[in-house]
Amino acid sequence: MKISSLFTTTLLAAAIGFPSLANAWWNPDFKHRTQVVLNTTAQGVETKEALSGVVVPVRLHSGNFDFLGAQPNGADLRVVAADDKTPLKFWVERFDGANELAVVWVQLPNTLPGTDKNTIHVYAGNEAAAAEATSPALFDGAMAAAISFAGKTGEPAADASGQIASASPVTREATGLIGAAAKLDGQPLVWSSDKLKAPGNGPYSVSLWFKPEAVSGTLFKQGPLSLVIDAGKPAAQLGATTAAGGELPTSAWAHLSVTVGNGKLTLYVNGAQAAQADVAATGAPIEGALNVGQGLTGLVDQLEVATTVRSADWVKFAHAAQSADAKLVLANTQTPETAEAGEGHGEAGHFAILVDNLTVDAWVVIIILAVMFVIAAWVMYDKAVLVGRADKDNLKFLDGFRNAKDVLAVSTQDMKHSQLARLYSAGLRELNKRDVGKAGSPPLSGASLDAVKAAIDADLIRESHTLNSKIVLLTIAISGGPFLGLLGTVVGVMITFAAIAAAGDVNVNAIAPGIAAALLATVAGLAVAIPALFGYNYLAARIKNISSDMGIFVDEFVTRVAETHGAR
C-alpha cells in the first residue's frame, strides 16, 4: 500500500472540501497511538461513493499496539479522527492485555472514495486516564440490529444497542473472525423484534459472516426472505424470486449479504455481487422472527440487519474492513517521536516503527548483542593501537639491531611497545648470567646457546599470548552474534504467529510489523558479527606478521651471539 503522507490531509477536513495539516499529537499525556489508514483507492479496496457512519472493527495486537504501555484493562483507550482533534465514538468488544489482543469498534465520521488518507488514531499509554463511558450503539439510524456475539457461552446474543436478544443461549467460539463467534449445531438461533421488519419489496438488508462445516441448510430466514446454502452454493430467496450465484470457500470465513429494494433482490458474496433478480412490486412483508443456521453447523459472526438498501460500495467496504483486508487496512503504532519522523515516510520513520514493535525477548537479545558489540569494538581498538605501536617500535629496534656492530650493545630506549626489544632484553639477561662479553669469560658452548634460545623462546610465547589476548572475544562475536540474533528473530516470529492465530486475524498488516521487528534481532546479530569479522581478520594478519618477525629475530639474535661469543 502506497501512502504518500500520513498527516498532510485530515479525514474531517477532506470531508468538507479543504486541506488542513494535522496536529502533531492529540494529547501529550498519551504516550503512544495506533494509526489506522483505510485505503479506498484502486491500490486498496476501491469505492466510488462517500460512506457516512460506517462502523469498523480495529484489531489491536502486539504488532501494531503497545500493550505494555497501556492500562491492563484498556481504560486509557481513546479514538480520534485524523485531525487529531475530534474524538470518535468507539466500543471495546475485547481487550486482553495478557495475550496482547483487542478489538475496538469505531464509528468513522466519513469514508471518502479514492483516497489513502481515511485515517483514525487509537491513543493509549496514560496511566492516569479513567475509562470513558462507551456504548456498542455506534451504528447509523438504519441499523435495526448489529450482533457481534460478544459475551460468554450460555448467554443470549444481544445486538449492539442491547435491545434485541436471542431467545435461547448461544454457544460461542472465543476466537471468531472478529471477536467471539456463535457455534451452529443445526438448530437455529432466533431473534424477534418489531424493529426487524420491512415491506415485501424492501428496503431491507441482512449480512453476516459464516464459516461452514455442513454446507447445506438455511443460513437465515425471516418471513419470505431467506438465504439457502445448497452444497456450498448460496441462493437468496424472496417469496418466488431467487437470486443464486457464487460459491462458499471450504472451511473458511465468507461474508454474505442480501439486499431488497429498488425492485431488486441482490446477493453479495465476499463483498462482490454474485446474483440479482427483479422483485415484484408487492409481496408478503418481511417480518417475524429472524432464524439463523437452520440445519447448518459451523461458525457465525457479525450479524447485521438494516432497514435500508446497503449499496454495493457499502457491502464491499464492510467486507474488507471486518475481514481486515490487507489492501484496505494499514495499522501501526507510533510515539510522538516516530509520528514526527514518519511525516516524511523516510527510512528513520520506518526504522522507528520497527523499534516500537519489538517484543521483550527481542529487546533482551538486542541488548546482549549491544554489549557484545561494545566489547568487540573495544578489543578491536585496543589491539589496533597495540599492533600499530608495536610495528613502529619493532622497526625502530630492528634498524638499530642490524646496524650495531656489537650484538650486546643495542639500545632499547623509548621502545616500550617493541616485542623484539623485550626479547632482546630477555636474551641479554640470559647472557649476563653467563658473563658473556666480560673479560676472561669462556665462549658459549652449544648447550649454553640452546639454553639461551630456549629462554628467549619462552618469552616469545608469552609475547604471543599477550598479542592474542582478548582476540577470542572477537571470535565469540563473529560466531555467536548471528546465532543469538537468529534466536531473537525465531522467538519473535513465533510470538507474532501465536498472537495472529489467537486473534484469527490473518493478513499482512497483522503479520508484517511483528516479523519485521523480529528481524531486527538478526540485523543486530549481523551488525555485531560483520565488523568483528573484518577486525579479526585484519588484526590476525598483523599479529601473524609480528609473530613471524619475533621468530626471525630470535634466530638472528642467537646466530649473531654464537658467531661472536660461541665456541669455535
Protein backbone atom coordinates (compact mmCIF):
# COMPACT_ATOMS: atom_id res chain seq x y z
CA MET A 1 0.00 0.00 0.00
CA LYS A 2 1.44 3.35 -1.02
CA ILE A 3 0.76 6.16 1.48
CA SER A 4 2.22 9.48 0.35
CA SER A 5 1.68 11.23 3.66
CA LEU A 6 0.17 10.20 6.97
CA PHE A 7 -0.51 13.66 8.29
CA THR A 8 -0.86 16.08 5.37
CA THR A 9 -4.64 15.92 4.89
CA THR A 10 -7.08 15.15 7.67
CA LEU A 11 -10.12 12.98 7.25
CA LEU A 12 -12.56 15.56 8.60
CA ALA A 13 -11.18 18.46 6.60
CA ALA A 14 -11.22 16.43 3.41
CA ALA A 15 -14.88 15.64 4.05
CA ILE A 16 -15.81 19.33 3.80
CA GLY A 17 -13.50 20.01 0.89
CA PHE A 18 -10.40 21.85 2.10
CA PRO A 19 -6.96 20.70 3.25
CA SER A 20 -5.65 21.13 6.77
CA LEU A 21 -2.42 19.99 8.38
CA ALA A 22 -2.84 17.51 11.20
CA ASN A 23 -1.67 18.39 14.67
CA ALA A 24 1.39 16.58 15.92
CA TRP A 25 -0.30 14.82 18.85
CA TRP A 26 -3.83 14.91 20.28
CA ASN A 27 -2.86 14.81 23.97
CA PRO A 28 0.72 14.66 25.30
CA ASP A 29 -0.47 12.62 28.31
CA PHE A 30 -1.00 9.67 25.97
CA LYS A 31 2.37 8.17 25.09
CA HIS A 32 1.56 6.13 22.00
CA ARG A 33 -1.11 5.57 19.40
CA THR A 34 -2.06 3.17 16.65
CA GLN A 35 -2.67 4.84 13.32
CA VAL A 36 -5.24 3.10 11.14
CA VAL A 37 -5.38 4.03 7.46
CA LEU A 38 -8.21 2.82 5.18
CA ASN A 39 -7.21 2.91 1.52
CA THR A 40 -10.15 3.33 -0.85
CA THR A 41 -8.01 3.85 -3.97
CA ALA A 42 -7.55 1.33 -6.76
CA GLN A 43 -4.45 0.09 -4.93
CA GLY A 44 -6.58 -0.68 -1.85
CA VAL A 45 -10.30 -1.53 -1.85
CA GLU A 46 -11.74 0.96 -4.31
CA THR A 47 -15.06 2.64 -3.56
CA LYS A 48 -16.91 5.16 -5.70
CA GLU A 49 -19.16 6.82 -3.11
CA ALA A 50 -18.63 8.59 0.18
CA LEU A 51 -19.82 6.45 3.10
CA SER A 52 -21.06 8.07 6.29
CA GLY A 53 -21.42 6.48 9.70
CA VAL A 54 -19.65 3.24 8.82
CA VAL A 55 -18.54 1.29 11.90
CA VAL A 56 -15.37 -0.78 11.54
CA PRO A 57 -13.52 -3.11 13.92
CA VAL A 58 -9.92 -2.12 14.66
CA ARG A 59 -7.84 -5.14 15.60
CA LEU A 60 -5.00 -4.42 18.01
CA HIS A 61 -2.17 -6.86 18.64
CA SER A 62 1.49 -6.83 19.57
CA GLY A 63 2.42 -5.92 16.01
CA ASN A 64 0.55 -2.60 15.94
CA PHE A 65 -0.15 -1.63 19.58
CA ASP A 66 1.94 -1.19 22.71
CA PHE A 67 0.02 -3.27 25.26
CA LEU A 68 2.81 -2.90 27.82
CA GLY A 69 2.39 0.86 27.74
CA ALA A 70 -1.42 0.76 28.02
CA GLN A 71 -3.51 0.10 31.11
CA PRO A 72 -4.12 -3.64 31.62
CA ASN A 73 -7.88 -3.25 31.09
CA GLY A 74 -7.62 -0.77 28.21
CA ALA A 75 -9.23 2.03 30.24
CA ASP A 76 -6.94 4.60 28.61
CA LEU A 77 -8.09 3.87 25.05
CA ARG A 78 -9.24 6.92 23.10
CA VAL A 79 -10.08 7.18 19.40
CA VAL A 80 -9.54 10.43 17.49
CA ALA A 81 -10.11 11.45 13.87
CA ALA A 82 -7.27 12.26 11.51
CA ASP A 83 -7.33 15.95 12.50
CA ASP A 84 -6.10 14.90 15.98
CA LYS A 85 -8.91 17.00 17.45
CA THR A 86 -12.21 15.21 17.00
CA PRO A 87 -12.98 12.32 19.39
CA LEU A 88 -14.79 9.42 17.72
CA LYS A 89 -17.36 7.05 19.18
CA PHE A 90 -15.99 3.61 19.92
CA TRP A 91 -16.75 0.42 21.80
CA VAL A 92 -14.26 -2.15 23.07
CA GLU A 93 -15.55 -5.63 22.30
CA ARG A 94 -12.40 -7.30 23.61
CA PHE A 95 -9.26 -6.17 25.43
CA ASP A 96 -6.87 -8.91 26.55
CA GLY A 97 -3.69 -7.27 27.83
CA ALA A 98 -2.16 -10.59 28.86
CA ASN A 99 -2.40 -12.09 25.37
CA GLU A 100 -1.99 -8.67 23.70
CA LEU A 101 -5.18 -8.81 21.66
CA ALA A 102 -8.04 -6.32 21.37
CA VAL A 103 -10.98 -5.44 19.13
CA VAL A 104 -12.24 -1.84 19.12
CA TRP A 105 -15.30 -0.87 17.06
CA VAL A 106 -15.03 2.71 15.77
CA GLN A 107 -17.63 4.89 14.05
CA LEU A 108 -15.99 6.67 11.12
CA PRO A 109 -17.21 10.25 10.53
CA ASN A 110 -16.82 9.95 6.77
CA THR A 111 -15.11 7.48 4.47
CA LEU A 112 -14.05 9.15 1.27
CA PRO A 113 -13.66 7.29 -2.03
CA GLY A 114 -10.42 7.15 -3.96
CA THR A 115 -8.03 8.22 -1.20
CA ASP A 116 -5.45 6.69 1.09
CA LYS A 117 -5.98 9.33 3.77
CA ASN A 118 -9.01 7.87 5.60
CA THR A 119 -7.21 7.89 8.93
CA ILE A 120 -8.10 7.38 12.59
CA HIS A 121 -5.88 7.24 15.69
CA VAL A 122 -6.29 4.92 18.68
CA TYR A 123 -4.49 6.54 21.63
CA ALA A 124 -3.28 4.86 24.85
CA GLY A 125 -0.39 4.98 27.31
CA ASN A 126 -1.85 7.22 30.03
CA GLU A 127 -1.74 5.61 33.47
CA ALA A 128 -3.90 8.34 35.00
CA ALA A 129 -6.71 8.14 32.44
CA ALA A 130 -10.10 6.93 33.64
CA ALA A 131 -12.25 4.69 31.48
CA GLU A 132 -14.72 6.55 29.29
CA ALA A 133 -18.36 5.53 29.18
CA THR A 134 -18.79 3.88 25.77
CA SER A 135 -21.71 2.15 24.11
CA PRO A 136 -21.94 -0.51 21.40
CA ALA A 137 -24.76 1.53 19.85
CA LEU A 138 -22.46 3.10 17.26
CA PHE A 139 -24.27 2.29 14.04
CA ASP A 140 -26.35 4.56 11.83
CA GLY A 141 -30.08 5.01 12.32
CA ALA A 142 -30.90 2.46 9.62
CA MET A 143 -29.24 -0.38 11.54
CA ALA A 144 -32.01 -2.42 13.14
CA ALA A 145 -29.64 -4.93 14.74
CA ALA A 146 -25.88 -5.45 14.84
CA ILE A 147 -24.97 -8.63 16.71
CA SER A 148 -21.28 -9.19 17.39
CA PHE A 149 -21.74 -12.28 19.64
CA ALA A 150 -19.63 -10.71 22.34
CA GLY A 151 -20.15 -12.39 25.69
CA LYS A 152 -19.82 -15.80 27.29
CA THR A 153 -21.12 -19.18 26.26
CA GLY A 154 -24.64 -19.69 27.57
CA GLU A 155 -25.57 -16.02 27.40
CA PRO A 156 -28.04 -14.78 24.77
CA ALA A 157 -26.63 -12.76 21.87
CA ALA A 158 -27.70 -9.12 22.01
CA ASP A 159 -27.43 -6.55 19.27
CA ALA A 160 -25.14 -3.53 19.55
CA SER A 161 -27.79 -1.43 21.31
CA GLY A 162 -28.69 -4.22 23.71
CA GLN A 163 -32.35 -4.12 22.64
CA ILE A 164 -32.64 -7.40 20.75
CA ALA A 165 -31.52 -10.71 22.25
CA SER A 166 -31.75 -14.26 21.03
CA ALA A 167 -34.45 -16.31 22.65
CA SER A 168 -32.05 -19.08 23.65
CA PRO A 169 -28.48 -19.29 24.97
CA VAL A 170 -25.70 -19.15 22.39
CA THR A 171 -22.65 -21.40 22.34
CA ARG A 172 -19.60 -19.33 21.48
CA GLU A 173 -16.17 -19.84 19.96
CA ALA A 174 -13.74 -17.44 21.66
CA THR A 175 -11.67 -16.81 18.52
CA GLY A 176 -14.10 -16.00 15.76
CA LEU A 177 -13.46 -13.79 12.78
CA ILE A 178 -13.53 -10.55 14.78
CA GLY A 179 -14.13 -11.44 18.41
CA ALA A 180 -16.25 -14.27 19.72
CA ALA A 181 -18.41 -16.16 17.22
CA ALA A 182 -21.54 -18.28 17.57
CA LYS A 183 -21.35 -22.05 17.07
CA LEU A 184 -24.13 -23.54 14.98
CA ASP A 185 -25.34 -27.04 15.83
CA GLY A 186 -28.15 -27.43 13.28
CA GLN A 187 -30.73 -25.69 15.49
CA PRO A 188 -31.47 -22.08 14.51
CA LEU A 189 -30.57 -19.02 16.53
CA VAL A 190 -33.70 -16.88 16.83
CA TRP A 191 -34.19 -13.11 17.19
CA SER A 192 -37.51 -11.34 17.21
CA SER A 193 -38.37 -7.65 17.42
CA ASP A 194 -40.77 -5.19 15.85
CA LYS A 195 -37.67 -3.36 14.54
CA LEU A 196 -36.84 -6.32 12.30
CA LYS A 197 -39.39 -5.72 9.56
CA ALA A 198 -39.85 -4.14 6.15
CA PRO A 199 -42.39 -4.11 3.31
CA GLY A 200 -42.25 -7.04 0.90
CA ASN A 201 -40.26 -5.01 -1.63
CA GLY A 202 -37.91 -3.52 0.95
CA PRO A 203 -35.85 -1.57 1.74
CA TYR A 204 -34.04 -4.21 3.79
CA SER A 205 -30.52 -5.60 4.14
CA VAL A 206 -29.16 -8.60 6.02
CA SER A 207 -25.49 -9.59 6.23
CA LEU A 208 -23.35 -11.94 8.29
CA TRP A 209 -20.11 -13.90 8.31
CA PHE A 210 -20.26 -17.68 8.02
CA LYS A 211 -17.60 -20.38 8.32
CA PRO A 212 -19.28 -23.63 7.22
CA GLU A 213 -18.81 -27.19 8.33
CA ALA A 214 -22.05 -28.59 6.89
CA VAL A 215 -22.64 -26.85 3.54
CA SER A 216 -26.37 -27.37 3.05
CA GLY A 217 -29.12 -25.65 5.03
CA THR A 218 -30.81 -22.30 5.63
CA LEU A 219 -28.32 -19.68 6.76
CA PHE A 220 -31.00 -17.14 7.62
CA LYS A 221 -34.74 -16.80 7.16
CA GLN A 222 -37.29 -14.15 8.06
CA GLY A 223 -40.77 -14.42 6.62
CA PRO A 224 -40.48 -14.66 2.83
CA LEU A 225 -36.76 -13.69 2.84
CA SER A 226 -34.14 -16.41 3.18
CA LEU A 227 -30.59 -17.33 2.26
CA VAL A 228 -30.18 -21.01 1.46
CA ILE A 229 -26.88 -22.90 1.13
CA ASP A 230 -27.03 -25.95 -1.15
CA ALA A 231 -23.76 -27.91 -1.42
CA GLY A 232 -21.77 -24.78 -0.78
CA LYS A 233 -23.69 -22.63 -3.28
CA PRO A 234 -25.72 -19.74 -1.83
CA ALA A 235 -29.09 -18.54 -3.10
CA ALA A 236 -31.22 -15.62 -1.86
CA GLN A 237 -34.97 -16.14 -1.97
CA LEU A 238 -37.85 -13.67 -1.56
CA GLY A 239 -41.11 -15.47 -1.99
CA ALA A 240 -40.96 -16.95 -5.50
CA THR A 241 -37.97 -14.84 -6.53
CA THR A 242 -34.50 -16.41 -6.39
CA ALA A 243 -31.04 -14.89 -6.90
CA ALA A 244 -28.43 -17.66 -6.92
CA GLY A 245 -24.72 -17.31 -7.56
CA GLY A 246 -21.25 -17.59 -6.15
CA GLU A 247 -19.74 -20.35 -4.05
CA LEU A 248 -18.59 -20.54 -0.46
CA PRO A 249 -14.97 -21.45 0.26
CA THR A 250 -14.50 -24.66 2.24
CA SER A 251 -13.79 -24.22 5.97
CA ALA A 252 -13.11 -20.51 5.55
CA TRP A 253 -14.94 -17.36 6.56
CA ALA A 254 -17.27 -15.88 3.95
CA HIS A 255 -19.25 -12.64 4.06
CA LEU A 256 -22.80 -12.94 2.72
CA SER A 257 -25.23 -10.10 2.27
CA VAL A 258 -28.76 -9.88 0.83
CA THR A 259 -30.47 -6.59 -0.02
CA VAL A 260 -34.08 -5.98 -1.01
CA GLY A 261 -35.04 -2.67 -2.59
CA ASN A 262 -35.30 -0.63 -5.75
CA GLY A 263 -37.12 -3.55 -7.31
CA LYS A 264 -34.14 -5.87 -6.90
CA LEU A 265 -33.14 -8.86 -4.79
CA THR A 266 -29.32 -8.83 -4.66
CA LEU A 267 -26.92 -11.40 -3.27
CA TYR A 268 -23.32 -10.48 -2.36
CA VAL A 269 -20.58 -12.99 -1.56
CA ASN A 270 -17.36 -11.68 -0.01
CA GLY A 271 -18.14 -8.08 -0.95
CA ALA A 272 -18.90 -8.75 -4.61
CA GLN A 273 -22.29 -9.01 -6.26
CA ALA A 274 -22.97 -12.68 -7.01
CA ALA A 275 -26.56 -12.57 -8.27
CA GLN A 276 -29.53 -10.24 -8.77
CA ALA A 277 -33.19 -10.74 -9.61
CA ASP A 278 -36.22 -8.50 -10.14
CA VAL A 279 -38.73 -8.29 -7.28
CA ALA A 280 -42.46 -7.97 -7.70
CA ALA A 281 -43.96 -4.64 -6.72
CA THR A 282 -45.96 -6.19 -3.90
CA GLY A 283 -45.48 -9.22 -1.69
CA ALA A 284 -45.67 -10.50 1.83
CA PRO A 285 -43.94 -8.19 4.30
CA ILE A 286 -40.56 -9.16 5.70
CA GLU A 287 -41.28 -9.56 9.38
CA GLY A 288 -41.36 -12.02 12.24
CA ALA A 289 -38.57 -13.92 13.88
CA LEU A 290 -35.13 -13.99 12.24
CA ASN A 291 -33.76 -17.54 12.19
CA VAL A 292 -30.04 -18.19 11.59
CA GLY A 293 -28.37 -21.56 10.96
CA GLN A 294 -31.24 -23.99 10.43
CA GLY A 295 -29.66 -27.34 9.50
CA LEU A 296 -26.13 -25.92 9.40
CA THR A 297 -23.01 -26.42 11.52
CA GLY A 298 -20.13 -24.01 11.63
CA LEU A 299 -19.48 -20.51 12.97
CA VAL A 300 -21.41 -17.26 12.54
CA ASP A 301 -20.11 -13.77 13.30
CA GLN A 302 -21.28 -10.15 12.99
CA LEU A 303 -24.94 -10.41 12.00
CA GLU A 304 -26.33 -7.08 10.77
CA VAL A 305 -29.88 -6.14 9.79
CA ALA A 306 -30.67 -2.72 8.30
CA THR A 307 -33.92 -1.09 7.22
CA THR A 308 -32.26 0.36 4.14
CA VAL A 309 -30.66 -0.93 0.95
CA ARG A 310 -26.93 -1.11 1.55
CA SER A 311 -25.06 -0.07 -1.58
CA ALA A 312 -22.51 -2.22 -3.37
CA ASP A 313 -19.73 0.07 -2.08
CA TRP A 314 -21.07 -0.24 1.47
CA VAL A 315 -21.08 -4.03 1.28
CA LYS A 316 -17.61 -4.11 -0.30
CA PHE A 317 -16.19 -1.76 2.34
CA ALA A 318 -17.85 -3.59 5.25
CA HIS A 319 -16.50 -6.92 3.99
CA ALA A 320 -12.95 -5.58 3.62
CA ALA A 321 -12.97 -3.68 6.93
CA GLN A 322 -14.40 -6.51 9.01
CA SER A 323 -12.03 -9.05 7.47
CA ALA A 324 -9.08 -6.63 7.93
CA ASP A 325 -8.25 -6.83 4.23
CA ALA A 326 -4.55 -6.10 3.87
CA LYS A 327 -5.24 -3.86 0.87
CA LEU A 328 -7.70 -1.75 2.82
CA VAL A 329 -6.41 -1.58 6.40
CA LEU A 330 -2.92 -0.48 7.44
CA ALA A 331 -2.24 -0.13 11.16
CA ASN A 332 0.97 0.72 13.02
CA THR A 333 1.96 2.00 16.42
CA GLN A 334 3.54 5.42 16.92
CA THR A 335 5.02 7.63 19.60
CA PRO A 336 5.26 11.42 19.32
CA GLU A 337 8.83 11.00 18.07
CA THR A 338 8.06 8.34 15.45
CA ALA A 339 4.94 10.19 14.33
CA GLU A 340 7.05 13.27 13.62
CA ALA A 341 9.70 11.17 11.89
CA GLY A 342 7.07 9.33 9.89
CA GLU A 343 5.61 12.51 8.35
CA GLY A 344 8.17 12.26 5.58
CA HIS A 345 7.99 8.47 5.48
CA GLY A 346 11.76 8.31 5.44
CA GLU A 347 13.94 5.44 6.50
CA ALA A 348 14.22 6.85 10.02
CA GLY A 349 10.44 6.76 10.39
CA HIS A 350 10.25 3.18 9.16
CA PHE A 351 13.05 2.10 11.47
CA ALA A 352 11.37 3.80 14.42
CA ILE A 353 8.15 1.89 13.69
CA LEU A 354 10.09 -1.37 13.75
CA VAL A 355 11.74 -0.47 17.06
CA ASP A 356 8.32 0.31 18.56
CA ASN A 357 7.11 -3.18 17.60
CA LEU A 358 9.99 -5.06 19.24
CA THR A 359 8.89 -7.67 21.76
CA VAL A 360 10.53 -8.10 25.16
CA ASP A 361 12.54 -11.15 24.06
CA ALA A 362 13.87 -9.26 21.04
CA TRP A 363 14.90 -6.37 23.28
CA VAL A 364 16.77 -8.78 25.57
CA VAL A 365 18.65 -10.27 22.61
CA ILE A 366 19.44 -6.85 21.14
CA ILE A 367 20.73 -5.54 24.47
CA ILE A 368 23.01 -8.57 24.80
CA LEU A 369 24.23 -8.01 21.25
CA ALA A 370 24.81 -4.33 22.00
CA VAL A 371 27.04 -5.32 24.93
CA MET A 372 28.88 -7.77 22.66
CA PHE A 373 29.36 -5.03 20.06
CA VAL A 374 30.81 -2.62 22.64
CA ILE A 375 33.22 -5.31 23.86
CA ALA A 376 34.22 -6.25 20.31
CA ALA A 377 34.75 -2.60 19.37
CA TRP A 378 36.89 -2.05 22.47
CA VAL A 379 39.00 -5.15 21.68
CA MET A 380 39.49 -4.06 18.07
CA TYR A 381 40.50 -0.57 19.10
CA ASP A 382 42.82 -1.80 21.85
CA LYS A 383 44.52 -4.34 19.59
CA ALA A 384 44.76 -1.97 16.65
CA VAL A 385 46.56 0.57 18.85
CA LEU A 386 48.80 -2.17 20.27
CA VAL A 387 49.91 -3.60 16.92
CA GLY A 388 50.36 -0.13 15.48
CA ARG A 389 52.71 0.92 18.24
CA ALA A 390 54.43 -2.47 18.18
CA ASP A 391 55.16 -2.24 14.46
CA LYS A 392 56.57 1.25 14.87
CA ASP A 393 58.87 0.34 17.78
CA ASN A 394 59.86 -3.02 16.23
CA LEU A 395 61.04 -1.31 13.04
CA LYS A 396 62.97 1.22 15.09
CA PHE A 397 64.63 -1.55 17.15
CA LEU A 398 65.47 -3.69 14.10
CA ASP A 399 67.12 -0.76 12.43
CA GLY A 400 69.39 -0.28 15.47
CA PHE A 401 69.99 -4.02 15.92
CA ARG A 402 71.06 -4.68 12.37
CA ASN A 403 73.32 -1.63 12.24
CA ALA A 404 75.03 -2.39 15.59
CA LYS A 405 78.50 -3.90 15.37
CA ASP A 406 78.29 -5.23 18.95
CA VAL A 407 75.29 -7.52 19.34
CA LEU A 408 75.34 -6.90 23.10
CA ALA A 409 75.20 -3.10 22.84
CA VAL A 410 71.90 -2.38 21.08
CA SER A 411 69.83 0.45 22.60
CA THR A 412 66.22 -0.30 23.65
CA GLN A 413 65.45 3.17 24.98
CA ASP A 414 61.96 4.55 24.16
CA MET A 415 60.86 1.20 22.72
CA LYS A 416 58.46 0.02 25.41
CA HIS A 417 55.99 -1.28 22.83
CA SER A 418 58.53 -3.35 20.92
CA GLN A 419 58.26 -7.12 21.39
CA LEU A 420 61.66 -7.50 19.71
CA ALA A 421 63.26 -5.17 22.26
CA ARG A 422 61.79 -7.22 25.09
CA LEU A 423 63.05 -10.47 23.52
CA TYR A 424 66.46 -8.86 23.12
CA SER A 425 66.42 -7.85 26.81
CA ALA A 426 65.48 -11.42 27.75
CA GLY A 427 68.45 -12.68 25.71
CA LEU A 428 70.81 -10.21 27.37
CA ARG A 429 69.56 -11.34 30.77
CA GLU A 430 70.47 -14.92 29.97
CA LEU A 431 73.86 -13.92 28.52
CA ASN A 432 74.66 -11.79 31.57
CA LYS A 433 74.07 -14.82 33.74
CA ARG A 434 76.92 -16.46 31.84
CA ASP A 435 79.19 -13.37 31.93
CA VAL A 436 79.24 -13.25 28.15
CA GLY A 437 81.21 -10.29 26.86
CA LYS A 438 83.20 -9.82 30.03
CA ALA A 439 86.97 -10.12 30.11
CA GLY A 440 88.14 -13.66 30.64
CA SER A 441 84.70 -15.21 30.15
CA PRO A 442 84.73 -18.52 28.35
CA PRO A 443 82.99 -18.82 24.97
CA LEU A 444 79.42 -20.16 24.93
CA SER A 445 79.06 -23.84 24.36
CA GLY A 446 76.38 -25.33 22.16
CA ALA A 447 74.38 -26.35 25.21
CA SER A 448 74.56 -22.78 26.59
CA LEU A 449 73.35 -21.34 23.29
CA ASP A 450 70.44 -23.77 23.31
CA ALA A 451 69.57 -22.72 26.86
CA VAL A 452 69.64 -19.04 25.88
CA LYS A 453 67.46 -19.70 22.84
CA ALA A 454 65.01 -21.72 24.97
CA ALA A 455 64.70 -18.84 27.43
CA ILE A 456 64.06 -16.36 24.62
CA ASP A 457 61.53 -18.73 23.01
CA ALA A 458 59.65 -18.86 26.30
CA ASP A 459 59.40 -15.08 26.31
CA LEU A 460 58.34 -15.21 22.63
CA ILE A 461 55.41 -17.44 23.59
CA ARG A 462 54.44 -15.05 26.38
CA GLU A 463 54.57 -12.13 23.93
CA SER A 464 52.39 -14.09 21.50
CA HIS A 465 49.87 -14.72 24.28
CA THR A 466 49.80 -11.01 25.04
CA LEU A 467 49.26 -10.15 21.39
CA ASN A 468 46.43 -12.67 21.05
CA SER A 469 44.77 -11.96 24.39
CA LYS A 470 41.08 -10.94 24.12
CA ILE A 471 41.00 -11.92 20.43
CA VAL A 472 38.74 -14.80 21.48
CA LEU A 473 36.07 -12.18 22.26
CA LEU A 474 36.02 -11.30 18.57
CA THR A 475 35.57 -14.93 17.58
CA ILE A 476 32.68 -15.19 20.03
CA ALA A 477 31.08 -12.11 18.46
CA ILE A 478 31.63 -13.49 14.95
CA SER A 479 30.19 -16.93 15.59
CA GLY A 480 27.73 -16.17 18.39
CA GLY A 481 26.26 -12.86 17.22
CA PRO A 482 24.30 -14.19 14.21
CA PHE A 483 23.02 -17.20 16.12
CA LEU A 484 21.89 -15.04 19.03
CA GLY A 485 20.18 -12.66 16.62
CA LEU A 486 18.53 -15.59 14.85
CA LEU A 487 17.25 -16.84 18.19
CA GLY A 488 15.62 -13.48 18.85
CA THR A 489 14.05 -13.47 15.38
CA VAL A 490 12.69 -17.00 15.66
CA VAL A 491 11.17 -16.34 19.08
CA GLY A 492 9.69 -13.04 17.85
CA VAL A 493 8.17 -14.71 14.79
CA MET A 494 6.74 -17.49 16.97
CA ILE A 495 5.12 -14.92 19.26
CA THR A 496 3.74 -12.99 16.28
CA PHE A 497 2.18 -16.06 14.69
CA ALA A 498 0.81 -17.22 18.04
CA ALA A 499 -0.85 -13.82 18.54
CA ILE A 500 -2.25 -13.86 14.99
CA ALA A 501 -3.59 -17.39 15.47
CA ALA A 502 -5.25 -16.41 18.73
CA ALA A 503 -6.75 -13.29 17.15
CA GLY A 504 -7.87 -15.07 13.98
CA ASP A 505 -6.58 -12.04 12.07
CA VAL A 506 -4.57 -13.40 9.15
CA ASN A 507 -3.42 -10.55 6.90
CA VAL A 508 -0.17 -8.87 6.02
CA ASN A 509 -0.83 -5.88 8.28
CA ALA A 510 -1.11 -8.17 11.29
CA ILE A 511 1.95 -10.24 10.42
CA ALA A 512 4.37 -7.76 8.84
CA PRO A 513 5.11 -5.39 11.78
CA GLY A 514 5.87 -8.21 14.22
CA ILE A 515 8.02 -10.18 11.77
CA ALA A 516 9.83 -7.07 10.54
CA ALA A 517 10.57 -6.05 14.12
CA ALA A 518 11.71 -9.60 14.97
CA LEU A 519 14.15 -9.46 12.06
CA LEU A 520 15.86 -6.53 13.77
CA ALA A 521 17.40 -9.08 16.13
CA THR A 522 19.06 -10.83 13.18
CA VAL A 523 20.18 -7.47 11.81
CA ALA A 524 21.68 -6.67 15.21
CA GLY A 525 23.49 -10.03 15.26
CA LEU A 526 24.97 -9.37 11.81
CA ALA A 527 25.84 -5.81 12.82
CA VAL A 528 27.94 -7.29 15.62
CA ALA A 529 29.48 -10.13 13.59
CA ILE A 530 30.43 -8.32 10.37
CA PRO A 531 32.63 -5.58 11.89
CA ALA A 532 34.11 -8.16 14.28
CA LEU A 533 34.92 -10.43 11.32
CA PHE A 534 36.71 -7.67 9.42
CA GLY A 535 38.52 -6.52 12.55
CA TYR A 536 39.54 -10.07 13.48
CA ASN A 537 41.00 -10.81 10.04
CA TYR A 538 42.88 -7.52 9.97
CA LEU A 539 44.30 -7.97 13.46
CA ALA A 540 45.09 -11.65 12.90
CA ALA A 541 47.18 -10.75 9.84
CA ARG A 542 49.03 -8.00 11.72
CA ILE A 543 49.66 -10.25 14.74
CA LYS A 544 50.87 -13.06 12.47
CA ASN A 545 53.39 -10.71 10.91
CA ILE A 546 54.63 -9.59 14.32
CA SER A 547 54.91 -13.24 15.46
CA SER A 548 56.89 -14.08 12.34
CA ASP A 549 59.19 -11.12 12.98
CA MET A 550 59.75 -12.34 16.55
CA GLY A 551 60.67 -15.86 15.38
CA ILE A 552 63.06 -14.48 12.76
CA PHE A 553 64.61 -12.11 15.28
CA VAL A 554 65.26 -14.88 17.82
CA ASP A 555 67.11 -16.95 15.22
CA GLU A 556 69.03 -13.92 14.01
CA PHE A 557 69.99 -12.85 17.55
CA VAL A 558 71.14 -16.32 18.63
CA THR A 559 73.11 -16.72 15.41
CA ARG A 560 74.96 -13.45 15.92
CA VAL A 561 75.70 -14.28 19.55
CA ALA A 562 77.03 -17.68 18.51
CA GLU A 563 79.13 -16.08 15.82
CA THR A 564 80.63 -13.53 18.19
CA HIS A 565 80.75 -15.33 21.53
CA GLY A 566 80.32 -19.01 20.73
CA ALA A 567 82.95 -21.75 20.96
CA ARG A 568 84.88 -22.46 17.78
